[in-house]
Amino acid sequence: MISLTQSNYARARFLTVAEVADALRVSNMTVYRLINSGALPAIRVGKSYRLREEDVDKYLADRYTQAG
């Protein structure tokens, strides 16, 4: 039986650090710093990280500010 948490991860779209860096227009090192600080949750797969697209979208939405 698959738990609710496992089910959510099974349907999630995962991005590499390089894909996230490209989308945010920052360096790979910046993404690693966000992961290490806890600002961006990530899953370790072997020696690399994968980030849920939903978590990246939430990170951006939480930091959105209206220019005035």
C-alpha atoms as a PDB file:
ATOM      1  CA  MET A   1       0.000   0.000   0.000  1.00  0.00           C
ATOM      2  CA  ILE A   2       1.302   3.463  -0.922  1.00  0.00           C
ATOM      3  CA  SER A   3       0.978   6.163   1.701  1.00  0.00           C
ATOM      4  CA  LEU A   4      -0.347   9.606   0.863  1.00  0.00           C
ATOM      5  CA  THR A   5       3.151  11.099   0.991  1.00  0.00           C
ATOM      6  CA  GLN A   6       4.573   8.471  -1.355  1.00  0.00           C
ATOM      7  CA  SER A   7       1.622   8.979  -3.685  1.00  0.00           C
ATOM      8  CA  ASN A   8       2.291  12.730  -3.872  1.00  0.00           C
ATOM      9  CA  TYR A   9       5.936  12.132  -4.758  1.00  0.00           C
ATOM     10  CA  ALA A  10       5.008   9.505  -7.351  1.00  0.00           C
ATOM     11  CA  ARG A  11       2.927  12.065  -9.271  1.00  0.00           C
ATOM     12  CA  ALA A  12       5.303  14.993  -8.824  1.00  0.00           C
ATOM     13  CA  ARG A  13       7.508  16.318 -11.604  1.00  0.00           C
ATOM     14  CA  PHE A  14      11.097  16.489 -10.439  1.00  0.00           C
ATOM     15  CA  LEU A  15      13.676  18.973 -11.707  1.00  0.00           C
ATOM     16  CA  THR A  16      17.458  18.861 -11.570  1.00  0.00           C
ATOM     17  CA  VAL A  17      19.512  21.600  -9.938  1.00  0.00           C
ATOM     18  CA  ALA A  18      20.562  22.801 -13.397  1.00  0.00           C
ATOM     19  CA  GLU A  19      16.930  23.028 -14.565  1.00  0.00           C
ATOM     20  CA  VAL A  20      15.949  25.023 -11.480  1.00  0.00           C
ATOM     21  CA  ALA A  21      18.968  27.318 -11.855  1.00  0.00           C
ATOM     22  CA  ASP A  22      18.071  27.943 -15.496  1.00  0.00           C
ATOM     23  CA  ALA A  23      14.418  28.664 -14.635  1.00  0.00           C
ATOM     24  CA  LEU A  24      15.374  31.071 -11.830  1.00  0.00           C
ATOM     25  CA  ARG A  25      18.229  32.559 -13.884  1.00  0.00           C
ATOM     26  CA  VAL A  26      20.751  31.959 -11.095  1.00  0.00           C
ATOM     27  CA  SER A  27      23.838  29.758 -10.797  1.00  0.00           C
ATOM     28  CA  ASN A  28      23.787  26.106  -9.755  1.00  0.00           C
ATOM     29  CA  MET A  29      25.673  27.125  -6.594  1.00  0.00           C
ATOM     30  CA  THR A  30      22.824  29.472  -5.619  1.00  0.00           C
ATOM     31  CA  VAL A  31      20.344  26.592  -5.899  1.00  0.00           C
ATOM     32  CA  TYR A  32      22.627  24.393  -3.758  1.00  0.00           C
ATOM     33  CA  ARG A  33      22.779  27.186  -1.163  1.00  0.00           C
ATOM     34  CA  LEU A  34      18.973  27.430  -1.118  1.00  0.00           C
ATOM     35  CA  ILE A  35      18.764  23.661  -0.624  1.00  0.00           C
ATOM     36  CA  ASN A  36      21.359  23.652   2.178  1.00  0.00           C
ATOM     37  CA  SER A  37      19.683  26.565   3.960  1.00  0.00           C
ATOM     38  CA  GLY A  38      16.327  24.781   3.854  1.00  0.00           C
ATOM     39  CA  ALA A  39      14.669  27.422   1.686  1.00  0.00           C
ATOM     40  CA  LEU A  40      14.126  24.891  -1.116  1.00  0.00           C
ATOM     41  CA  PRO A  41      13.247  21.312  -0.155  1.00  0.00           C
ATOM     42  CA  ALA A  42      15.050  18.671  -2.217  1.00  0.00           C
ATOM     43  CA  ILE A  43      15.387  14.930  -2.414  1.00  0.00           C
ATOM     44  CA  ARG A  44      18.807  13.332  -2.652  1.00  0.00           C
ATOM     45  CA  VAL A  45      19.088  10.764  -5.450  1.00  0.00           C
ATOM     46  CA  GLY A  46      22.525   9.197  -5.350  1.00  0.00           C
ATOM     47  CA  LYS A  47      24.951  12.104  -5.380  1.00  0.00           C
ATOM     48  CA  SER A  48      22.555  14.588  -6.957  1.00  0.00           C
ATOM     49  CA  TYR A  49      19.445  16.467  -5.843  1.00  0.00           C
ATOM     50  CA  ARG A  50      15.974  16.582  -7.338  1.00  0.00           C
ATOM     51  CA  LEU A  51      13.441  19.296  -6.560  1.00  0.00           C
ATOM     52  CA  ARG A  52       9.694  19.069  -6.994  1.00  0.00           C
ATOM     53  CA  GLU A  53       8.404  21.594  -9.496  1.00  0.00           C
ATOM     54  CA  GLU A  54       5.605  22.396  -7.023  1.00  0.00           C
ATOM     55  CA  ASP A  55       8.174  23.336  -4.329  1.00  0.00           C
ATOM     56  CA  VAL A  56      10.027  25.645  -6.727  1.00  0.00           C
ATOM     57  CA  ASP A  57       6.739  27.323  -7.706  1.00  0.00           C
ATOM     58  CA  LYS A  58       5.830  27.759  -4.023  1.00  0.00           C
ATOM     59  CA  TYR A  59       9.267  29.246  -3.282  1.00  0.00           C
ATOM     60  CA  LEU A  60       8.760  31.836  -6.032  1.00  0.00           C
ATOM     61  CA  ALA A  61       5.173  32.611  -5.021  1.00  0.00           C
ATOM     62  CA  ASP A  62       6.197  33.178  -1.393  1.00  0.00           C
ATOM     63  CA  ARG A  63       8.806  35.716  -2.471  1.00  0.00           C
ATOM     64  CA  TYR A  64       6.687  37.561  -5.010  1.00  0.00           C
ATOM     65  CA  THR A  65       6.383  41.294  -4.448  1.00  0.00           C
ATOM     66  CA  GLN A  66       4.368  43.816  -6.418  1.00  0.00           C
ATOM     67  CA  ALA A  67       6.508  46.570  -7.936  1.00  0.00           C
ATOM     68  CA  GLY A  68       4.987  49.881  -7.299  1.00  0.00           C
END
